[in-house]
C-alpha atoms as a PDB file:
ATOM      1  CA  MET A   1     -61.205  28.794 -19.550  1.00  0.00           C
ATOM      2  CA  ASP A   2     -60.715  32.392 -18.626  1.00  0.00           C
ATOM      3  CA  ILE A   3     -58.208  34.856 -20.094  1.00  0.00           C
ATOM      4  CA  ASN A   4     -55.330  33.583 -17.935  1.00  0.00           C
ATOM      5  CA  GLY A   5     -55.840  30.006 -19.088  1.00  0.00           C
ATOM      6  CA  ILE A   6     -57.040  28.880 -15.681  1.00  0.00           C
ATOM      7  CA  GLY A   7     -60.372  27.095 -15.556  1.00  0.00           C
ATOM      8  CA  SER A   8     -62.956  28.992 -13.570  1.00  0.00           C
ATOM      9  CA  GLY A   9     -65.073  25.908 -12.787  1.00  0.00           C
ATOM     10  CA  ILE A  10     -68.766  25.490 -13.332  1.00  0.00           C
ATOM     11  CA  GLY A  11     -70.049  26.091  -9.826  1.00  0.00           C
ATOM     12  CA  LEU A  12     -72.885  24.540  -7.854  1.00  0.00           C
ATOM     13  CA  ASN A  13     -75.655  26.307  -9.811  1.00  0.00           C
ATOM     14  CA  ALA A  14     -74.463  24.887 -13.128  1.00  0.00           C
ATOM     15  CA  ALA A  15     -73.670  21.414 -11.788  1.00  0.00           C
ATOM     16  CA  PHE A  16     -76.917  20.991  -9.833  1.00  0.00           C
ATOM     17  CA  PRO A  17     -79.376  23.658 -11.059  1.00  0.00           C
ATOM     18  CA  GLU A  18     -82.476  22.109  -9.529  1.00  0.00           C
ATOM     19  CA  VAL A  19     -80.735  21.682  -6.149  1.00  0.00           C
ATOM     20  CA  ALA A  20     -79.182  25.147  -5.960  1.00  0.00           C
ATOM     21  CA  GLY A  21     -82.460  26.872  -6.788  1.00  0.00           C
ATOM     22  CA  ALA A  22     -84.453  25.038  -4.108  1.00  0.00           C
ATOM     23  CA  LYS A  23     -86.528  27.392  -1.929  1.00  0.00           C
ATOM     24  CA  SER A  24     -88.439  26.348   1.161  1.00  0.00           C
ATOM     25  CA  THR A  25     -90.418  27.848   4.002  1.00  0.00           C
ATOM     26  CA  SER A  26     -87.958  26.997   6.793  1.00  0.00           C
ATOM     27  CA  PRO A  27     -84.209  26.448   6.925  1.00  0.00           C
ATOM     28  CA  VAL A  28     -84.651  22.896   8.208  1.00  0.00           C
ATOM     29  CA  GLU A  29     -86.980  21.978   5.353  1.00  0.00           C
ATOM     30  CA  GLY A  30     -84.661  23.699   2.903  1.00  0.00           C
ATOM     31  CA  ALA A  31     -81.624  21.797   4.150  1.00  0.00           C
ATOM     32  CA  GLY A  32     -83.515  18.514   4.092  1.00  0.00           C
ATOM     33  CA  LYS A  33     -84.750  19.140   0.575  1.00  0.00           C
ATOM     34  CA  PHE A  34     -81.270  20.213  -0.536  1.00  0.00           C
ATOM     35  CA  PHE A  35     -79.647  17.039   0.794  1.00  0.00           C
ATOM     36  CA  SER A  36     -82.338  14.705  -0.532  1.00  0.00           C
ATOM     37  CA  GLU A  37     -82.143  16.245  -4.015  1.00  0.00           C
ATOM     38  CA  LEU A  38     -78.351  16.200  -3.923  1.00  0.00           C
ATOM     39  CA  VAL A  39     -78.302  12.522  -2.946  1.00  0.00           C
ATOM     40  CA  SER A  40     -80.855  11.772  -5.661  1.00  0.00           C
ATOM     41  CA  LYS A  41     -78.784  13.578  -8.295  1.00  0.00           C
ATOM     42  CA  VAL A  42     -75.580  11.788  -7.249  1.00  0.00           C
ATOM     43  CA  ASN A  43     -77.423   8.462  -7.325  1.00  0.00           C
ATOM     44  CA  ASP A  44     -78.626   9.228 -10.859  1.00  0.00           C
ATOM     45  CA  MET A  45     -75.047   9.957 -11.946  1.00  0.00           C
ATOM     46  CA  GLN A  46     -73.850   6.691 -10.383  1.00  0.00           C
ATOM     47  CA  THR A  47     -76.624   4.785 -12.176  1.00  0.00           C
ATOM     48  CA  GLN A  48     -75.760   6.409 -15.521  1.00  0.00           C
ATOM     49  CA  SER A  49     -72.105   5.505 -14.988  1.00  0.00           C
ATOM     50  CA  ASP A  50     -73.011   1.888 -14.216  1.00  0.00           C
ATOM     51  CA  GLN A  51     -75.165   1.702 -17.338  1.00  0.00           C
ATOM     52  CA  ALA A  52     -72.341   3.132 -19.452  1.00  0.00           C
ATOM     53  CA  ILE A  53     -69.912   0.556 -18.056  1.00  0.00           C
ATOM     54  CA  GLN A  54     -72.386  -2.244 -18.704  1.00  0.00           C
ATOM     55  CA  GLY A  55     -72.912  -0.959 -22.258  1.00  0.00           C
ATOM     56  CA  LEU A  56     -69.169  -0.951 -22.865  1.00  0.00           C
ATOM     57  CA  ALA A  57     -68.794  -4.469 -21.473  1.00  0.00           C
ATOM     58  CA  THR A  58     -71.595  -5.831 -23.662  1.00  0.00           C
ATOM     59  CA  GLY A  59     -70.381  -4.048 -26.791  1.00  0.00           C
ATOM     60  CA  GLU A  60     -73.352  -1.661 -27.095  1.00  0.00           C
ATOM     61  CA  ASN A  61     -71.201   1.406 -26.413  1.00  0.00           C
ATOM     62  CA  THR A  62     -67.814   1.583 -28.123  1.00  0.00           C
ATOM     63  CA  ASN A  63     -66.876   5.081 -26.926  1.00  0.00           C
ATOM     64  CA  LEU A  64     -64.473   4.454 -24.069  1.00  0.00           C
ATOM     65  CA  HIS A  65     -63.912   8.177 -23.535  1.00  0.00           C
ATOM     66  CA  GLU A  66     -67.625   8.781 -22.887  1.00  0.00           C
ATOM     67  CA  VAL A  67     -67.694   5.941 -20.360  1.00  0.00           C
ATOM     68  CA  MET A  68     -64.620   7.340 -18.596  1.00  0.00           C
ATOM     69  CA  ILE A  69     -66.150  10.829 -18.491  1.00  0.00           C
ATOM     70  CA  SER A  70     -69.352   9.385 -17.020  1.00  0.00           C
ATOM     71  CA  MET A  71     -67.351   7.503 -14.395  1.00  0.00           C
ATOM     72  CA  GLU A  72     -65.359  10.598 -13.431  1.00  0.00           C
ATOM     73  CA  LYS A  73     -68.525  12.722 -13.161  1.00  0.00           C
ATOM     74  CA  ALA A  74     -70.031  10.126 -10.836  1.00  0.00           C
ATOM     75  CA  SER A  75     -66.850   9.918  -8.785  1.00  0.00           C
ATOM     76  CA  ILE A  76     -66.472  13.680  -8.422  1.00  0.00           C
ATOM     77  CA  SER A  77     -70.132  14.141  -7.525  1.00  0.00           C
ATOM     78  CA  LEU A  78     -69.824  11.448  -4.826  1.00  0.00           C
ATOM     79  CA  GLN A  79     -66.707  13.138  -3.433  1.00  0.00           C
ATOM     80  CA  PHE A  80     -68.558  16.466  -3.427  1.00  0.00           C
ATOM     81  CA  LEU A  81     -71.508  14.925  -1.582  1.00  0.00           C
ATOM     82  CA  SER A  82     -69.146  13.393   0.951  1.00  0.00           C
ATOM     83  CA  GLN A  83     -67.442  16.742   1.607  1.00  0.00           C
ATOM     84  CA  VAL A  84     -70.793  18.539   1.961  1.00  0.00           C
ATOM     85  CA  ARG A  85     -71.885  15.880   4.461  1.00  0.00           C
ATOM     86  CA  ASN A  86     -68.618  16.217   6.404  1.00  0.00           C
ATOM     87  CA  LYS A  87     -69.014  19.999   6.621  1.00  0.00           C
ATOM     88  CA  ALA A  88     -72.636  19.666   7.757  1.00  0.00           C
ATOM     89  CA  VAL A  89     -71.635  17.202  10.490  1.00  0.00           C
ATOM     90  CA  GLU A  90     -68.803  19.502  11.608  1.00  0.00           C
ATOM     91  CA  ALA A  91     -71.196  22.448  11.779  1.00  0.00           C
ATOM     92  CA  TYR A  92     -73.707  20.398  13.790  1.00  0.00           C
ATOM     93  CA  GLN A  93     -70.992  19.288  16.230  1.00  0.00           C
ATOM     94  CA  GLU A  94     -69.829  22.887  16.613  1.00  0.00           C
ATOM     95  CA  VAL A  95     -73.357  24.035  17.432  1.00  0.00           C
ATOM     96  CA  MET A  96     -73.719  21.220  19.972  1.00  0.00           C
ATOM     97  CA  ARG A  97     -70.510  22.348  21.708  1.00  0.00           C
ATOM     98  CA  MET A  98     -71.821  25.879  22.184  1.00  0.00           C
ATOM     99  CA  GLN A  99     -72.689  26.813  25.730  1.00  0.00           C
ATOM    100  CA  VAL A 100     -76.122  28.290  26.289  1.00  0.00           C
END
C-alpha cells in the first residue's frame, strides 16, 4: 500500500520476472518466447491450484485460505493471459487492415 492507502499493484516484472526480462535477437522471436513463457507460467499456476484443491479434498491441506489464494492467483493469471492475447490479436488485425 502506498501513502494514500491505495494499492500500487505488483506489476508485470514482479508477477512474471523471468518473462518480463526475456531478451531475444528479433521482435518475432521475443514475442514468441514471451507468449510461450507466459503460457507456461500460467499453466504452472493452474497446476499448483489443482494440487492445492486436491490436497484440501483429501485432507492433506487444512488451510482453506491458502487454497483460495492459490485459486485466485491462477484465475487472475488466466484472465491476464486472455487479455494479453486479445490485445495481440487486435493489434494483428489492425496491422492487416493497413493499406500499403
